[in-house]
Amino acid sequence: MLRHVAIAGFGLLLTAAAGAQEQNFPDHPIRVVVSVPAGGGVDAVTRIVTAKMSAVLGQPLVVENKSGAGGSVAAEAVFKDAPDGYTLLASQPAPITTNPFLYKSLNYDPEKLTAIAIMSHVPNVILVRADLPVKTVQELIAYAKANPGKLNYASQGIGTTSHLTAELFQTLTQTKLVHVPYKGTAPALADLLAGNVDLMFNELATSLEQHKAGRARILAVLTKERVAAIADVPTIAEAGVAGCESDTWHALTAPPKTPAGVVAKLNDAANKAMKDPELLERYKSLSINPGGGTPAEMDAFLKAETKRWGEVIHTAGIQPQ
């Protein structure tokens, strides 16, 4: 009897300690592991958002870049860390949705990561090198068909949205392009600007200035409606390819079993960041749309995205590595 009372008492103490830990969260800096190198879209968005979250939470959010394996290196590190809210993952879609379709073995389960918040939605575009002899999507398709297997495209890595969007485009247009994967947006974009690759299905935020400066050319936006910043550029459907809509989004997740109270505080800070006038102005200048919403809404979104792009992977015949 006494033993049962002691065990029950110990359980209550643990519960009380956990409650106090959640109530006092955060009481020291939070580490945010970014799944791409510095300079890419995820990195830029994360630094904008975490600066605003830090002001809400009263503790610094320290950004650390850890790239590799389509974001899996960072995801695995966060997955295995303590579920206390002091280590977060900032990523593109792949490591938290489609990587199980693309890698034979992962040392983490994306479905068990804890949803915190979507930080942003960024329209994708078709970006070509400045001297590629095409001015429209239809000209690109015709050129690709006339030169099968000779056009190459850069991506941020295998299984990233840029890679899968290119696969979707090829399926819809019956073209064949050569994939050149990189470890993030920055090196991929650098090689496109240098003329080492022909095109890229890239996010608008890092393509816009290159287009405006004439260093590269946007042929279409992969959204249902035109984008105000480049209103003269057609949507992919207007350019004659229906069903190829695509955007890049960036998300914050935490290790499995992160306490609900901690998740609520982090989600609240992220949602407040999304309403910050300075952040909204910065986003607008980059043609980024704010994220936000509840963890439950994010979970549903992740499941839908995993299903959609999983079907693209299957149709394209991409085999896990």
Protein backbone atom coordinates (compact mmCIF):
# COMPACT_ATOMS: atom_id res chain seq x y z
CA MET A 1 0.00 0.00 0.00
CA LEU A 2 2.74 2.41 1.02
CA ARG A 3 4.66 1.51 -2.14
CA HIS A 4 1.63 2.41 -4.30
CA VAL A 5 1.25 5.71 -2.46
CA ALA A 6 4.96 6.46 -2.98
CA ILE A 7 4.73 5.68 -6.70
CA ALA A 8 1.61 7.83 -7.04
CA GLY A 9 3.33 10.65 -5.16
CA PHE A 10 6.37 10.41 -7.39
CA GLY A 11 4.12 10.58 -10.46
CA LEU A 12 2.47 13.73 -9.13
CA LEU A 13 5.89 15.28 -8.53
CA LEU A 14 6.94 14.52 -12.12
CA THR A 15 3.70 16.03 -13.44
CA ALA A 16 4.18 19.13 -11.30
CA ALA A 17 7.79 19.47 -12.48
CA ALA A 18 6.74 19.14 -16.12
CA GLY A 19 4.00 21.72 -15.58
CA ALA A 20 6.46 24.16 -14.02
CA GLN A 21 8.89 23.58 -16.90
CA GLU A 22 6.17 24.42 -19.44
CA GLN A 23 5.06 27.46 -17.45
CA ASN A 24 8.62 28.85 -17.28
CA PHE A 25 9.39 28.12 -20.93
CA PRO A 26 11.60 29.52 -22.34
CA ASP A 27 14.18 30.38 -19.71
CA HIS A 28 17.25 30.11 -21.97
CA PRO A 29 18.07 30.43 -25.70
CA ILE A 30 16.37 28.21 -28.29
CA ARG A 31 18.42 26.54 -31.03
CA VAL A 32 16.86 26.56 -34.53
CA VAL A 33 18.48 24.06 -36.90
CA VAL A 34 18.03 25.14 -40.55
CA SER A 35 18.09 22.29 -43.08
CA VAL A 36 19.89 24.24 -45.85
CA PRO A 37 23.11 26.28 -46.13
CA ALA A 38 23.12 29.98 -45.30
CA GLY A 39 21.78 32.19 -48.07
CA GLY A 40 18.88 30.01 -49.23
CA GLY A 41 15.17 30.75 -48.93
CA VAL A 42 14.61 28.68 -45.78
CA ASP A 43 17.56 30.38 -44.12
CA ALA A 44 16.37 33.90 -45.00
CA VAL A 45 12.79 33.28 -43.87
CA THR A 46 13.92 31.60 -40.64
CA ARG A 47 16.09 34.56 -39.66
CA ILE A 48 13.22 37.01 -40.31
CA VAL A 49 10.68 34.96 -38.35
CA THR A 50 12.88 33.92 -35.40
CA ALA A 51 13.94 37.53 -34.78
CA LYS A 52 10.26 38.40 -34.25
CA MET A 53 9.56 35.26 -32.21
CA SER A 54 12.50 36.10 -29.96
CA ALA A 55 10.90 39.45 -29.11
CA VAL A 56 7.70 37.64 -28.09
CA LEU A 57 9.37 34.84 -26.12
CA GLY A 58 12.00 36.97 -24.41
CA GLN A 59 14.85 34.64 -25.34
CA PRO A 60 17.17 34.53 -28.37
CA LEU A 61 16.45 32.00 -31.12
CA VAL A 62 19.89 30.99 -32.39
CA VAL A 63 20.03 29.85 -36.01
CA GLU A 64 22.36 26.98 -36.95
CA ASN A 65 22.70 25.68 -40.53
CA LYS A 66 23.01 21.91 -40.99
CA SER A 67 22.51 20.84 -44.61
CA GLY A 68 22.66 17.45 -46.32
CA ALA A 69 20.55 14.55 -47.64
CA GLY A 70 17.65 16.74 -48.71
CA GLY A 71 17.30 18.18 -45.23
CA SER A 72 17.41 14.80 -43.48
CA VAL A 73 20.66 15.54 -41.63
CA ALA A 74 19.04 18.47 -39.81
CA ALA A 75 15.74 16.62 -39.33
CA GLU A 76 17.45 13.62 -37.76
CA ALA A 77 19.46 15.84 -35.39
CA VAL A 78 16.31 17.58 -34.17
CA PHE A 79 14.26 14.36 -34.06
CA LYS A 80 16.77 12.81 -31.63
CA ASP A 81 17.11 15.88 -29.42
CA ALA A 82 15.30 16.43 -26.14
CA PRO A 83 11.57 17.22 -26.56
CA ASP A 84 11.71 20.35 -24.45
CA GLY A 85 11.18 23.09 -27.06
CA TYR A 86 14.78 24.26 -26.97
CA THR A 87 15.69 22.66 -30.31
CA LEU A 88 13.58 23.32 -33.41
CA LEU A 89 13.85 22.37 -37.08
CA ALA A 90 13.37 25.02 -39.78
CA SER A 91 12.95 23.32 -43.14
CA GLN A 92 11.65 23.17 -46.66
CA PRO A 93 8.95 20.52 -47.32
CA ALA A 94 11.13 17.48 -48.19
CA PRO A 95 12.54 16.47 -44.78
CA ILE A 96 9.12 16.60 -43.12
CA THR A 97 7.00 15.18 -45.95
CA THR A 98 8.48 13.26 -48.89
CA ASN A 99 11.94 12.06 -47.85
CA PRO A 100 10.62 8.59 -46.85
CA PHE A 101 9.76 8.08 -50.55
CA LEU A 102 13.24 9.14 -51.62
CA TYR A 103 15.63 7.47 -49.18
CA LYS A 104 15.75 3.73 -48.46
CA SER A 105 16.43 4.35 -44.81
CA LEU A 106 15.94 7.37 -42.59
CA ASN A 107 16.96 7.55 -38.95
CA TYR A 108 13.86 9.55 -38.07
CA ASP A 109 10.12 9.49 -38.78
CA PRO A 110 8.80 12.77 -40.25
CA GLU A 111 5.25 11.94 -39.15
CA LYS A 112 6.36 11.94 -35.50
CA LEU A 113 7.90 15.41 -35.57
CA THR A 114 5.79 17.96 -33.68
CA ALA A 115 4.17 20.66 -35.81
CA ILE A 116 4.83 24.22 -34.61
CA ALA A 117 3.96 26.59 -37.48
CA ILE A 118 4.21 27.27 -41.20
CA MET A 119 6.46 30.32 -41.53
CA SER A 120 5.83 31.26 -45.16
CA HIS A 121 4.50 30.35 -48.59
CA VAL A 122 6.61 31.37 -51.57
CA PRO A 123 5.40 31.13 -55.19
CA ASN A 124 7.63 29.05 -57.44
CA VAL A 125 8.67 30.12 -60.94
CA ILE A 126 10.39 28.72 -64.00
CA LEU A 127 13.74 30.53 -64.13
CA VAL A 128 16.07 30.12 -67.11
CA ARG A 129 19.60 31.37 -67.75
CA ALA A 130 19.69 34.74 -69.50
CA ASP A 131 21.13 33.41 -72.78
CA LEU A 132 18.89 30.35 -73.17
CA PRO A 133 17.17 30.87 -76.56
CA VAL A 134 13.59 30.69 -75.26
CA LYS A 135 11.25 33.49 -74.20
CA THR A 136 8.09 31.54 -73.30
CA VAL A 137 7.10 28.25 -71.69
CA GLN A 138 5.92 26.89 -75.03
CA GLU A 139 9.29 27.78 -76.58
CA LEU A 140 10.98 25.98 -73.66
CA ILE A 141 8.87 22.87 -74.28
CA ALA A 142 9.59 22.96 -78.01
CA TYR A 143 13.33 23.43 -77.36
CA ALA A 144 13.36 20.54 -74.85
CA LYS A 145 11.58 18.24 -77.33
CA ALA A 146 13.97 19.23 -80.12
CA ASN A 147 16.95 18.59 -77.81
CA PRO A 148 15.91 15.61 -75.65
CA GLY A 149 18.16 15.04 -72.65
CA LYS A 150 20.29 18.09 -73.44
CA LEU A 151 18.61 20.70 -71.20
CA ASN A 152 19.64 20.44 -67.56
CA TYR A 153 17.93 21.89 -64.52
CA ALA A 154 19.23 22.69 -61.07
CA SER A 155 17.41 21.88 -57.84
CA GLN A 156 18.07 22.37 -54.14
CA GLY A 157 18.50 18.61 -53.86
CA ILE A 158 16.76 15.30 -54.51
CA GLY A 159 13.15 15.37 -53.31
CA THR A 160 13.00 19.12 -52.79
CA THR A 161 10.03 21.04 -54.16
CA SER A 162 12.16 22.33 -57.05
CA HIS A 163 13.08 18.76 -58.05
CA LEU A 164 9.54 17.39 -57.75
CA THR A 165 8.04 20.37 -59.59
CA ALA A 166 10.43 19.70 -62.46
CA GLU A 167 9.33 16.06 -62.50
CA LEU A 168 5.69 17.13 -62.55
CA PHE A 169 6.43 19.56 -65.41
CA GLN A 170 8.15 16.83 -67.43
CA THR A 171 5.23 14.44 -66.93
CA LEU A 172 2.68 17.05 -68.00
CA THR A 173 4.67 18.28 -71.02
CA GLN A 174 6.22 14.94 -72.07
CA THR A 175 9.70 16.41 -72.03
CA LYS A 176 12.98 15.01 -70.71
CA LEU A 177 15.33 17.21 -68.71
CA VAL A 178 18.56 16.29 -66.90
CA HIS A 179 18.55 16.78 -63.13
CA VAL A 180 21.54 18.44 -61.43
CA PRO A 181 20.95 18.43 -57.65
CA TYR A 182 22.69 20.90 -55.32
CA LYS A 183 22.81 21.35 -51.55
CA GLY A 184 20.46 24.32 -51.34
CA THR A 185 19.20 27.30 -53.32
CA ALA A 186 22.31 29.47 -53.15
CA PRO A 187 24.76 27.12 -54.95
CA ALA A 188 22.10 26.04 -57.47
CA LEU A 189 21.22 29.63 -58.33
CA ALA A 190 24.89 30.60 -58.56
CA ASP A 191 25.50 27.90 -61.19
CA LEU A 192 22.42 28.98 -63.17
CA LEU A 193 23.67 32.59 -63.20
CA ALA A 194 27.08 31.34 -64.30
CA GLY A 195 25.45 29.48 -67.20
CA ASN A 196 26.44 26.02 -65.94
CA VAL A 197 22.79 24.88 -65.83
CA ASP A 198 19.92 25.88 -68.10
CA LEU A 199 16.94 26.36 -65.81
CA MET A 200 15.52 25.93 -62.36
CA PHE A 201 12.07 25.60 -60.84
CA ASN A 202 12.87 28.05 -58.10
CA GLU A 203 11.13 30.14 -55.46
CA LEU A 204 10.21 33.67 -56.50
CA ALA A 205 11.90 35.26 -53.47
CA THR A 206 15.40 34.36 -54.72
CA SER A 207 14.55 34.67 -58.43
CA LEU A 208 12.93 38.10 -58.57
CA GLU A 209 16.01 40.34 -58.41
CA GLN A 210 17.87 38.16 -60.91
CA HIS A 211 14.93 38.52 -63.32
CA LYS A 212 14.65 42.27 -62.83
CA ALA A 213 18.40 42.73 -63.37
CA GLY A 214 18.36 40.63 -66.53
CA ARG A 215 20.77 38.05 -65.08
CA ALA A 216 18.13 35.32 -65.55
CA ARG A 217 14.60 35.18 -66.93
CA ILE A 218 11.30 34.08 -65.35
CA LEU A 219 9.05 32.41 -67.92
CA ALA A 220 6.02 31.73 -65.69
CA VAL A 221 4.81 31.77 -62.11
CA LEU A 222 3.57 28.42 -60.82
CA THR A 223 0.53 29.87 -59.06
CA LYS A 224 -3.17 30.05 -59.90
CA GLU A 225 -3.01 33.85 -60.19
CA ARG A 226 -0.36 36.27 -61.43
CA VAL A 227 2.02 37.82 -58.91
CA ALA A 228 1.84 41.61 -58.50
CA ALA A 229 5.64 42.04 -58.43
CA ILE A 230 5.89 40.63 -61.98
CA ALA A 231 2.37 41.17 -63.29
CA ASP A 232 3.51 40.83 -66.92
CA VAL A 233 4.66 37.22 -66.37
CA PRO A 234 1.93 34.63 -67.06
CA THR A 235 0.83 31.83 -64.76
CA ILE A 236 1.84 28.32 -65.77
CA ALA A 237 -1.77 27.58 -66.79
CA GLU A 238 -1.91 30.73 -68.93
CA ALA A 239 1.34 29.55 -70.52
CA GLY A 240 -0.42 26.35 -71.59
CA VAL A 241 0.48 23.84 -68.85
CA ALA A 242 -2.46 23.04 -66.56
CA GLY A 243 -1.98 21.27 -63.22
CA CYS A 244 1.59 22.39 -62.55
CA GLU A 245 0.91 24.75 -59.63
CA SER A 246 3.63 24.71 -56.98
CA ASP A 247 4.81 26.82 -54.08
CA THR A 248 7.62 26.44 -51.60
CA TRP A 249 6.75 26.67 -47.94
CA HIS A 250 8.94 26.78 -44.88
CA ALA A 251 8.04 25.27 -41.53
CA LEU A 252 9.04 24.97 -37.90
CA THR A 253 8.83 21.57 -36.22
CA ALA A 254 10.07 20.14 -32.93
CA PRO A 255 11.13 16.70 -31.63
CA PRO A 256 8.42 14.09 -31.03
CA LYS A 257 6.46 14.38 -27.79
CA THR A 258 7.27 18.05 -27.22
CA PRO A 259 4.83 19.13 -24.45
CA ALA A 260 1.57 20.75 -25.58
CA GLY A 261 2.16 23.82 -23.39
CA VAL A 262 5.54 24.45 -25.00
CA VAL A 263 4.10 23.92 -28.49
CA ALA A 264 1.32 26.41 -27.71
CA LYS A 265 3.83 29.08 -26.66
CA LEU A 266 6.00 28.57 -29.74
CA ASN A 267 2.97 28.56 -32.05
CA ASP A 268 1.63 31.73 -30.43
CA ALA A 269 4.99 33.46 -30.92
CA ALA A 270 5.08 32.39 -34.58
CA ASN A 271 1.53 33.63 -35.20
CA LYS A 272 2.34 36.97 -33.57
CA ALA A 273 5.44 37.20 -35.78
CA MET A 274 3.20 36.71 -38.85
CA LYS A 275 1.26 39.86 -37.92
CA ASP A 276 4.31 42.02 -37.26
CA PRO A 277 4.23 45.06 -39.61
CA GLU A 278 7.98 44.98 -40.20
CA LEU A 279 7.89 41.26 -41.08
CA LEU A 280 4.92 41.78 -43.41
CA GLU A 281 6.71 44.61 -45.19
CA ARG A 282 9.85 42.48 -45.56
CA TYR A 283 7.78 39.57 -46.87
CA LYS A 284 6.02 41.83 -49.34
CA SER A 285 9.35 43.07 -50.71
CA LEU A 286 10.35 39.43 -51.31
CA SER A 287 6.91 38.37 -52.66
CA ILE A 288 6.48 35.96 -49.74
CA ASN A 289 3.10 35.19 -48.17
CA PRO A 290 2.91 34.75 -44.38
CA GLY A 291 2.09 31.38 -42.82
CA GLY A 292 0.52 30.88 -39.41
CA GLY A 293 -2.39 28.81 -38.14
CA THR A 294 -2.69 26.12 -35.48
CA PRO A 295 -0.49 23.03 -35.10
CA ALA A 296 -3.52 20.88 -36.00
CA GLU A 297 -4.02 22.81 -39.25
CA MET A 298 -0.32 22.39 -40.02
CA ASP A 299 -0.56 18.63 -39.40
CA ALA A 300 -3.43 18.36 -41.89
CA PHE A 301 -1.50 20.45 -44.42
CA LEU A 302 1.61 18.25 -44.08
CA LYS A 303 -0.45 15.10 -44.67
CA ALA A 304 -2.04 16.59 -47.82
CA GLU A 305 1.34 17.73 -49.18
CA THR A 306 2.91 14.33 -48.47
CA LYS A 307 0.11 12.60 -50.40
CA ARG A 308 0.25 15.01 -53.36
CA TRP A 309 3.99 14.92 -53.90
CA GLY A 310 4.22 11.23 -53.05
CA GLU A 311 2.00 10.62 -56.08
CA VAL A 312 4.32 12.78 -58.23
CA ILE A 313 7.31 10.70 -57.08
CA HIS A 314 5.46 7.47 -57.90
CA THR A 315 4.35 8.70 -61.35
CA ALA A 316 7.87 9.93 -62.18
CA GLY A 317 9.30 6.56 -61.17
CA ILE A 318 11.83 8.12 -58.78
CA GLN A 319 13.50 5.30 -56.89
CA PRO A 320 14.67 5.69 -53.27
CA GLN A 321 18.42 6.02 -52.85
